[in-house]
Amino acid sequence: PIEGDPLFIQKTQELIFGENTARIFTAQTIGGTGALHLGGHFLHNFVSQKVYIPNPTWDNHRRLFSQLGFQVETYPYYNPQTKGLDMD
């Protein structure tokens, strides 16, 4: 089916969210970048024209979201000096 394998989806939901998954939608995707692309299409069409991506991130993320028409912004999350989260 279009959402993916039902048993795989059910077991994934139970693994991540426990047994109470009645209000959760899960869809199997074609991989990490494919998932970003599909999710990005949905977000751009129904949620927002702007997306925030972490800095640093993989090189293809900015390009992918830019090609989908997003205004791409970044946020820091990693402090290379402390080798940890960049948070106060």
PDB file of N, CA and C in Angstrom:
ATOM      1  N   PRO A   1       0.824  -1.212   0.000  1.00  0.00           N
ATOM      2  CA  PRO A   1       0.000   0.000   0.000  1.00  0.00           C
ATOM      3  C   PRO A   1       0.860   1.265   0.000  1.00  0.00           C
ATOM      4  N   ILE A   2       0.260   2.372  -0.334  1.00  0.00           N
ATOM      5  CA  ILE A   2       0.990   3.628  -0.477  1.00  0.00           C
ATOM      6  C   ILE A   2       1.695   4.063   0.810  1.00  0.00           C
ATOM      7  N   GLU A   3       1.147   3.741   1.969  1.00  0.00           N
ATOM      8  CA  GLU A   3       1.774   4.134   3.240  1.00  0.00           C
ATOM      9  C   GLU A   3       2.966   3.263   3.601  1.00  0.00           C
ATOM     10  N   GLY A   4       3.076   2.082   2.996  1.00  0.00           N
ATOM     11  CA  GLY A   4       4.147   1.143   3.318  1.00  0.00           C
ATOM     12  C   GLY A   4       3.582  -0.142   3.898  1.00  0.00           C
ATOM     13  N   ASP A   5       4.452  -1.002   4.377  1.00  0.00           N
ATOM     14  CA  ASP A   5       4.053  -2.283   4.931  1.00  0.00           C
ATOM     15  C   ASP A   5       3.354  -2.095   6.282  1.00  0.00           C
ATOM     16  N   PRO A   6       2.083  -2.504   6.422  1.00  0.00           N
ATOM     17  CA  PRO A   6       1.324  -2.257   7.653  1.00  0.00           C
ATOM     18  C   PRO A   6       1.966  -2.835   8.914  1.00  0.00           C
ATOM     19  N   LEU A   7       2.509  -4.036   8.844  1.00  0.00           N
ATOM     20  CA  LEU A   7       3.128  -4.642  10.017  1.00  0.00           C
ATOM     21  C   LEU A   7       4.393  -3.882  10.421  1.00  0.00           C
ATOM     22  N   PHE A   8       5.199  -3.498   9.442  1.00  0.00           N
ATOM     23  CA  PHE A   8       6.403  -2.703   9.721  1.00  0.00           C
ATOM     24  C   PHE A   8       6.035  -1.381  10.388  1.00  0.00           C
ATOM     25  N   ILE A   9       5.014  -0.724   9.868  1.00  0.00           N
ATOM     26  CA  ILE A   9       4.559   0.554  10.428  1.00  0.00           C
ATOM     27  C   ILE A   9       4.059   0.364  11.858  1.00  0.00           C
ATOM     28  N   GLN A  10       3.255  -0.659  12.089  1.00  0.00           N
ATOM     29  CA  GLN A  10       2.718  -0.923  13.425  1.00  0.00           C
ATOM     30  C   GLN A  10       3.850  -1.164  14.420  1.00  0.00           C
ATOM     31  N   LYS A  11       4.794  -2.010  14.068  1.00  0.00           N
ATOM     32  CA  LYS A  11       5.898  -2.342  14.978  1.00  0.00           C
ATOM     33  C   LYS A  11       6.804  -1.130  15.212  1.00  0.00           C
ATOM     34  N   THR A  12       7.004  -0.301  14.195  1.00  0.00           N
ATOM     35  CA  THR A  12       7.794   0.919  14.358  1.00  0.00           C
ATOM     36  C   THR A  12       7.118   1.864  15.335  1.00  0.00           C
ATOM     37  N   GLN A  13       5.814   2.074  15.185  1.00  0.00           N
ATOM     38  CA  GLN A  13       5.068   2.928  16.106  1.00  0.00           C
ATOM     39  C   GLN A  13       5.166   2.408  17.531  1.00  0.00           C
ATOM     40  N   GLU A  14       4.971   1.110  17.726  1.00  0.00           N
ATOM     41  CA  GLU A  14       5.031   0.532  19.068  1.00  0.00           C
ATOM     42  C   GLU A  14       6.430   0.687  19.674  1.00  0.00           C
ATOM     43  N   LEU A  15       7.458   0.510  18.861  1.00  0.00           N
ATOM     44  CA  LEU A  15       8.828   0.651  19.343  1.00  0.00           C
ATOM     45  C   LEU A  15       9.113   2.078  19.809  1.00  0.00           C
ATOM     46  N   ILE A  16       8.660   3.059  19.049  1.00  0.00           N
ATOM     47  CA  ILE A  16       8.965   4.464  19.356  1.00  0.00           C
ATOM     48  C   ILE A  16       7.992   5.066  20.363  1.00  0.00           C
ATOM     49  N   PHE A  17       6.699   4.781  20.216  1.00  0.00           N
ATOM     50  CA  PHE A  17       5.676   5.467  21.000  1.00  0.00           C
ATOM     51  C   PHE A  17       4.968   4.591  22.026  1.00  0.00           C
ATOM     52  N   GLY A  18       5.266   3.316  22.070  1.00  0.00           N
ATOM     53  CA  GLY A  18       4.551   2.425  22.974  1.00  0.00           C
ATOM     54  C   GLY A  18       3.258   1.945  22.338  1.00  0.00           C
ATOM     55  N   GLU A  19       2.337   1.516  23.178  1.00  0.00           N
ATOM     56  CA  GLU A  19       1.099   0.924  22.653  1.00  0.00           C
ATOM     57  C   GLU A  19       0.033   1.943  22.271  1.00  0.00           C
ATOM     58  N   ASN A  20       0.100   3.173  22.776  1.00  0.00           N
ATOM     59  CA  ASN A  20      -0.928   4.178  22.511  1.00  0.00           C
ATOM     60  C   ASN A  20      -0.583   4.958  21.243  1.00  0.00           C
ATOM     61  N   THR A  21      -0.919   4.397  20.076  1.00  0.00           N
ATOM     62  CA  THR A  21      -0.566   5.016  18.800  1.00  0.00           C
ATOM     63  C   THR A  21      -1.787   5.399  17.964  1.00  0.00           C
ATOM     64  N   ALA A  22      -2.946   5.497  18.576  1.00  0.00           N
ATOM     65  CA  ALA A  22      -4.190   5.733  17.824  1.00  0.00           C
ATOM     66  C   ALA A  22      -4.168   7.050  17.052  1.00  0.00           C
ATOM     67  N   ARG A  23      -3.466   8.078  17.545  1.00  0.00           N
ATOM     68  CA  ARG A  23      -3.487   9.389  16.890  1.00  0.00           C
ATOM     69  C   ARG A  23      -2.199   9.672  16.109  1.00  0.00           C
ATOM     70  N   ILE A  24      -1.419   8.655  15.826  1.00  0.00           N
ATOM     71  CA  ILE A  24      -0.134   8.838  15.150  1.00  0.00           C
ATOM     72  C   ILE A  24      -0.224   8.267  13.737  1.00  0.00           C
ATOM     73  N   PHE A  25       0.236   9.055  12.760  1.00  0.00           N
ATOM     74  CA  PHE A  25       0.312   8.574  11.385  1.00  0.00           C
ATOM     75  C   PHE A  25       1.766   8.290  11.058  1.00  0.00           C
ATOM     76  N   THR A  26       2.019   7.168  10.470  1.00  0.00           N
ATOM     77  CA  THR A  26       3.372   6.779  10.072  1.00  0.00           C
ATOM     78  C   THR A  26       3.331   6.329   8.626  1.00  0.00           C
ATOM     79  N   ALA A  27       4.337   6.732   7.854  1.00  0.00           N
ATOM     80  CA  ALA A  27       4.465   6.271   6.473  1.00  0.00           C
ATOM     81  C   ALA A  27       5.899   5.833   6.243  1.00  0.00           C
ATOM     82  N   GLN A  28       6.048   4.727   5.582  1.00  0.00           N
ATOM     83  CA  GLN A  28       7.358   4.219   5.218  1.00  0.00           C
ATOM     84  C   GLN A  28       7.871   5.060   4.057  1.00  0.00           C
ATOM     85  N   THR A  29       9.150   5.440   4.085  1.00  0.00           N
ATOM     86  CA  THR A  29       9.683   6.276   3.009  1.00  0.00           C
ATOM     87  C   THR A  29      10.828   5.576   2.295  1.00  0.00           C
ATOM     88  N   ILE A  30      11.363   6.254   1.323  1.00  0.00           N
ATOM     89  CA  ILE A  30      12.399   5.681   0.468  1.00  0.00           C
ATOM     90  C   ILE A  30      13.811   5.922   1.003  1.00  0.00           C
ATOM     91  N   GLY A  31      13.950   6.406   2.218  1.00  0.00           N
ATOM     92  CA  GLY A  31      15.256   6.661   2.806  1.00  0.00           C
ATOM     93  C   GLY A  31      15.311   8.062   3.371  1.00  0.00           C
ATOM     94  N   GLY A  32      16.400   8.409   4.009  1.00  0.00           N
ATOM     95  CA  GLY A  32      16.512   9.693   4.698  1.00  0.00           C
ATOM     96  C   GLY A  32      16.286  10.898   3.803  1.00  0.00           C
ATOM     97  N   THR A  33      17.015  11.009   2.705  1.00  0.00           N
ATOM     98  CA  THR A  33      16.864  12.160   1.816  1.00  0.00           C
ATOM     99  C   THR A  33      15.517  12.121   1.114  1.00  0.00           C
ATOM    100  N   GLY A  34      15.068  10.931   0.754  1.00  0.00           N
ATOM    101  CA  GLY A  34      13.740  10.807   0.149  1.00  0.00           C
ATOM    102  C   GLY A  34      12.650  11.236   1.109  1.00  0.00           C
ATOM    103  N   ALA A  35      12.818  10.894   2.384  1.00  0.00           N
ATOM    104  CA  ALA A  35      11.844  11.302   3.396  1.00  0.00           C
ATOM    105  C   ALA A  35      11.831  12.821   3.544  1.00  0.00           C
ATOM    106  N   LEU A  36      13.019  13.437   3.568  1.00  0.00           N
ATOM    107  CA  LEU A  36      13.081  14.904   3.649  1.00  0.00           C
ATOM    108  C   LEU A  36      12.383  15.542   2.450  1.00  0.00           C
ATOM    109  N   HIS A  37      12.598  14.985   1.280  1.00  0.00           N
ATOM    110  CA  HIS A  37      11.991  15.549   0.077  1.00  0.00           C
ATOM    111  C   HIS A  37      10.470  15.433   0.125  1.00  0.00           C
ATOM    112  N   LEU A  38       9.965  14.257   0.465  1.00  0.00           N
ATOM    113  CA  LEU A  38       8.515  14.080   0.551  1.00  0.00           C
ATOM    114  C   LEU A  38       7.907  14.955   1.645  1.00  0.00           C
ATOM    115  N   GLY A  39       8.542  14.942   2.824  1.00  0.00           N
ATOM    116  CA  GLY A  39       8.057  15.790   3.919  1.00  0.00           C
ATOM    117  C   GLY A  39       8.138  17.256   3.563  1.00  0.00           C
ATOM    118  N   GLY A  40       9.203  17.633   2.881  1.00  0.00           N
ATOM    119  CA  GLY A  40       9.367  19.029   2.465  1.00  0.00           C
ATOM    120  C   GLY A  40       8.272  19.482   1.523  1.00  0.00           C
ATOM    121  N   HIS A  41       7.889  18.627   0.576  1.00  0.00           N
ATOM    122  CA  HIS A  41       6.774  18.960  -0.322  1.00  0.00           C
ATOM    123  C   HIS A  41       5.519  19.259   0.482  1.00  0.00           C
ATOM    124  N   PHE A  42       5.200  18.389   1.427  1.00  0.00           N
ATOM    125  CA  PHE A  42       4.009  18.586   2.250  1.00  0.00           C
ATOM    126  C   PHE A  42       4.105  19.893   3.044  1.00  0.00           C
ATOM    127  N   LEU A  43       5.227  20.087   3.738  1.00  0.00           N
ATOM    128  CA  LEU A  43       5.391  21.294   4.558  1.00  0.00           C
ATOM    129  C   LEU A  43       5.283  22.559   3.725  1.00  0.00           C
ATOM    130  N   HIS A  44       5.934  22.583   2.569  1.00  0.00           N
ATOM    131  CA  HIS A  44       5.914  23.781   1.731  1.00  0.00           C
ATOM    132  C   HIS A  44       4.518  24.081   1.212  1.00  0.00           C
ATOM    133  N   ASN A  45       3.764  23.037   0.886  1.00  0.00           N
ATOM    134  CA  ASN A  45       2.415  23.239   0.336  1.00  0.00           C
ATOM    135  C   ASN A  45       1.360  23.537   1.384  1.00  0.00           C
ATOM    136  N   PHE A  46       1.545  23.063   2.633  1.00  0.00           N
ATOM    137  CA  PHE A  46       0.468  23.168   3.613  1.00  0.00           C
ATOM    138  C   PHE A  46       0.841  23.846   4.928  1.00  0.00           C
ATOM    139  N   VAL A  47       2.122  24.070   5.201  1.00  0.00           N
ATOM    140  CA  VAL A  47       2.498  24.554   6.525  1.00  0.00           C
ATOM    141  C   VAL A  47       3.255  25.867   6.483  1.00  0.00           C
ATOM    142  N   SER A  48       4.369  25.931   5.768  1.00  0.00           N
ATOM    143  CA  SER A  48       5.232  27.110   5.841  1.00  0.00           C
ATOM    144  C   SER A  48       6.094  27.233   4.595  1.00  0.00           C
ATOM    145  N   GLN A  49       6.496  28.457   4.299  1.00  0.00           N
ATOM    146  CA  GLN A  49       7.418  28.720   3.197  1.00  0.00           C
ATOM    147  C   GLN A  49       8.853  28.851   3.709  1.00  0.00           C
ATOM    148  N   LYS A  50       9.035  28.701   5.014  1.00  0.00           N
ATOM    149  CA  LYS A  50      10.349  28.816   5.634  1.00  0.00           C
ATOM    150  C   LYS A  50      10.650  27.548   6.404  1.00  0.00           C
ATOM    151  N   VAL A  51      11.915  27.114   6.359  1.00  0.00           N
ATOM    152  CA  VAL A  51      12.337  25.937   7.099  1.00  0.00           C
ATOM    153  C   VAL A  51      13.654  26.260   7.803  1.00  0.00           C
ATOM    154  N   TYR A  52      13.817  25.710   8.987  1.00  0.00           N
ATOM    155  CA  TYR A  52      15.059  25.861   9.750  1.00  0.00           C
ATOM    156  C   TYR A  52      15.777  24.522   9.755  1.00  0.00           C
ATOM    157  N   ILE A  53      17.061  24.560   9.410  1.00  0.00           N
ATOM    158  CA  ILE A  53      17.875  23.353   9.437  1.00  0.00           C
ATOM    159  C   ILE A  53      19.046  23.585  10.392  1.00  0.00           C
ATOM    160  N   PRO A  54      19.563  22.519  10.984  1.00  0.00           N
ATOM    161  CA  PRO A  54      20.663  22.693  11.929  1.00  0.00           C
ATOM    162  C   PRO A  54      21.960  23.086  11.224  1.00  0.00           C
ATOM    163  N   ASN A  55      22.823  23.739  11.970  1.00  0.00           N
ATOM    164  CA  ASN A  55      24.152  24.079  11.499  1.00  0.00           C
ATOM    165  C   ASN A  55      25.153  23.580  12.527  1.00  0.00           C
ATOM    166  N   PRO A  56      25.913  22.550  12.225  1.00  0.00           N
ATOM    167  CA  PRO A  56      26.130  21.937  10.914  1.00  0.00           C
ATOM    168  C   PRO A  56      25.038  20.930  10.552  1.00  0.00           C
ATOM    169  N   THR A  57      24.980  20.626   9.260  1.00  0.00           N
ATOM    170  CA  THR A  57      24.092  19.589   8.734  1.00  0.00           C
ATOM    171  C   THR A  57      24.739  18.985   7.504  1.00  0.00           C
ATOM    172  N   TRP A  58      24.088  18.038   6.889  1.00  0.00           N
ATOM    173  CA  TRP A  58      24.613  17.453   5.662  1.00  0.00           C
ATOM    174  C   TRP A  58      24.468  18.467   4.533  1.00  0.00           C
ATOM    175  N   ASP A  59      25.397  18.444   3.596  1.00  0.00           N
ATOM    176  CA  ASP A  59      25.436  19.425   2.504  1.00  0.00           C
ATOM    177  C   ASP A  59      24.174  19.443   1.655  1.00  0.00           C
ATOM    178  N   ASN A  60      23.566  18.292   1.461  1.00  0.00           N
ATOM    179  CA  ASN A  60      22.413  18.239   0.558  1.00  0.00           C
ATOM    180  C   ASN A  60      21.136  18.819   1.170  1.00  0.00           C
ATOM    181  N   HIS A  61      21.072  19.030   2.483  1.00  0.00           N
ATOM    182  CA  HIS A  61      19.827  19.504   3.098  1.00  0.00           C
ATOM    183  C   HIS A  61      19.457  20.912   2.648  1.00  0.00           C
ATOM    184  N   ARG A  62      20.403  21.837   2.655  1.00  0.00           N
ATOM    185  CA  ARG A  62      20.099  23.202   2.204  1.00  0.00           C
ATOM    186  C   ARG A  62      19.664  23.187   0.738  1.00  0.00           C
ATOM    187  N   ARG A  63      20.394  22.465  -0.086  1.00  0.00           N
ATOM    188  CA  ARG A  63      20.077  22.398  -1.512  1.00  0.00           C
ATOM    189  C   ARG A  63      18.686  21.799  -1.738  1.00  0.00           C
ATOM    190  N   LEU A  64      18.379  20.726  -1.025  1.00  0.00           N
ATOM    191  CA  LEU A  64      17.091  20.062  -1.180  1.00  0.00           C
ATOM    192  C   LEU A  64      15.942  21.009  -0.842  1.00  0.00           C
ATOM    193  N   PHE A  65      16.019  21.657   0.322  1.00  0.00           N
ATOM    194  CA  PHE A  65      14.924  22.543   0.734  1.00  0.00           C
ATOM    195  C   PHE A  65      14.853  23.797  -0.133  1.00  0.00           C
ATOM    196  N   SER A  66      15.998  24.304  -0.578  1.00  0.00           N
ATOM    197  CA  SER A  66      16.001  25.464  -1.485  1.00  0.00           C
ATOM    198  C   SER A  66      15.304  25.113  -2.798  1.00  0.00           C
ATOM    199  N   GLN A  67      15.590  23.938  -3.343  1.00  0.00           N
ATOM    200  CA  GLN A  67      14.971  23.519  -4.603  1.00  0.00           C
ATOM    201  C   GLN A  67      13.467  23.311  -4.466  1.00  0.00           C
ATOM    202  N   LEU A  68      13.006  23.023  -3.249  1.00  0.00           N
ATOM    203  CA  LEU A  68      11.566  22.901  -3.022  1.00  0.00           C
ATOM    204  C   LEU A  68      10.889  24.265  -2.862  1.00  0.00           C
ATOM    205  N   GLY A  69      11.680  25.341  -2.827  1.00  0.00           N
ATOM    206  CA  GLY A  69      11.128  26.686  -2.760  1.00  0.00           C
ATOM    207  C   GLY A  69      11.117  27.310  -1.379  1.00  0.00           C
ATOM    208  N   PHE A  70      11.730  26.665  -0.398  1.00  0.00           N
ATOM    209  CA  PHE A  70      11.770  27.208   0.957  1.00  0.00           C
ATOM    210  C   PHE A  70      12.758  28.357   1.086  1.00  0.00           C
ATOM    211  N   GLN A  71      12.459  29.269   1.990  1.00  0.00           N
ATOM    212  CA  GLN A  71      13.459  30.181   2.526  1.00  0.00           C
ATOM    213  C   GLN A  71      14.153  29.375   3.625  1.00  0.00           C
ATOM    214  N   VAL A  72      15.440  29.122   3.490  1.00  0.00           N
ATOM    215  CA  VAL A  72      16.157  28.236   4.403  1.00  0.00           C
ATOM    216  C   VAL A  72      16.956  29.058   5.415  1.00  0.00           C
ATOM    217  N   GLU A  73      16.689  28.810   6.686  1.00  0.00           N
ATOM    218  CA  GLU A  73      17.425  29.433   7.795  1.00  0.00           C
ATOM    219  C   GLU A  73      18.129  28.326   8.570  1.00  0.00           C
ATOM    220  N   THR A  74      19.116  28.710   9.375  1.00  0.00           N
ATOM    221  CA  THR A  74      19.825  27.722  10.181  1.00  0.00           C
ATOM    222  C   THR A  74      19.742  28.072  11.657  1.00  0.00           C
ATOM    223  N   TYR A  75      19.977  27.074  12.472  1.00  0.00           N
ATOM    224  CA  TYR A  75      20.098  27.276  13.912  1.00  0.00           C
ATOM    225  C   TYR A  75      21.294  26.454  14.404  1.00  0.00           C
ATOM    226  N   PRO A  76      22.043  26.988  15.373  1.00  0.00           N
ATOM    227  CA  PRO A  76      23.181  26.229  15.890  1.00  0.00           C
ATOM    228  C   PRO A  76      22.707  25.184  16.895  1.00  0.00           C
ATOM    229  N   TYR A  77      23.412  24.073  16.951  1.00  0.00           N
ATOM    230  CA  TYR A  77      23.112  23.091  17.984  1.00  0.00           C
ATOM    231  C   TYR A  77      24.366  22.419  18.516  1.00  0.00           C
ATOM    232  N   TYR A  78      25.495  22.594  17.825  1.00  0.00           N
ATOM    233  CA  TYR A  78      26.718  21.909  18.223  1.00  0.00           C
ATOM    234  C   TYR A  78      27.811  22.927  18.506  1.00  0.00           C
ATOM    235  N   ASN A  79      28.479  22.761  19.645  1.00  0.00           N
ATOM    236  CA  ASN A  79      29.601  23.615  20.007  1.00  0.00           C
ATOM    237  C   ASN A  79      30.884  22.796  19.853  1.00  0.00           C
ATOM    238  N   PRO A  80      31.690  23.092  18.828  1.00  0.00           N
ATOM    239  CA  PRO A  80      32.877  22.283  18.590  1.00  0.00           C
ATOM    240  C   PRO A  80      33.926  22.407  19.706  1.00  0.00           C
ATOM    241  N   GLN A  81      33.905  23.518  20.451  1.00  0.00           N
ATOM    242  CA  GLN A  81      34.870  23.677  21.551  1.00  0.00           C
ATOM    243  C   GLN A  81      34.577  22.752  22.709  1.00  0.00           C
ATOM    244  N   THR A  82      33.287  22.598  23.038  1.00  0.00           N
ATOM    245  CA  THR A  82      32.918  21.712  24.136  1.00  0.00           C
ATOM    246  C   THR A  82      32.566  20.308  23.657  1.00  0.00           C
ATOM    247  N   LYS A  83      32.449  20.165  22.332  1.00  0.00           N
ATOM    248  CA  LYS A  83      32.025  18.899  21.723  1.00  0.00           C
ATOM    249  C   LYS A  83      30.680  18.441  22.296  1.00  0.00           C
ATOM    250  N   GLY A  84      29.780  19.420  22.431  1.00  0.00           N
ATOM    251  CA  GLY A  84      28.462  19.150  22.984  1.00  0.00           C
ATOM    252  C   GLY A  84      27.426  20.081  22.396  1.00  0.00           C
ATOM    253  N   LEU A  85      26.249  20.074  22.985  1.00  0.00           N
ATOM    254  CA  LEU A  85      25.168  20.927  22.524  1.00  0.00           C
ATOM    255  C   LEU A  85      25.494  22.394  22.753  1.00  0.00           C
ATOM    256  N   ASP A  86      25.110  23.246  21.814  1.00  0.00           N
ATOM    257  CA  ASP A  86      25.350  24.682  21.898  1.00  0.00           C
ATOM    258  C   ASP A  86      24.139  25.345  22.561  1.00  0.00           C
ATOM    259  N   MET A  87      24.087  25.198  23.889  1.00  0.00           N
ATOM    260  CA  MET A  87      22.961  25.713  24.665  1.00  0.00           C
ATOM    261  C   MET A  87      23.464  26.438  25.903  1.00  0.00           C
ATOM    262  N   ASP A  88      22.729  27.453  26.312  1.00  0.00           N
ATOM    263  CA  ASP A  88      23.051  28.120  27.579  1.00  0.00           C
ATOM    264  C   ASP A  88      22.570  27.275  28.738  1.00  0.00           C
TER     265      ASP A  88
END
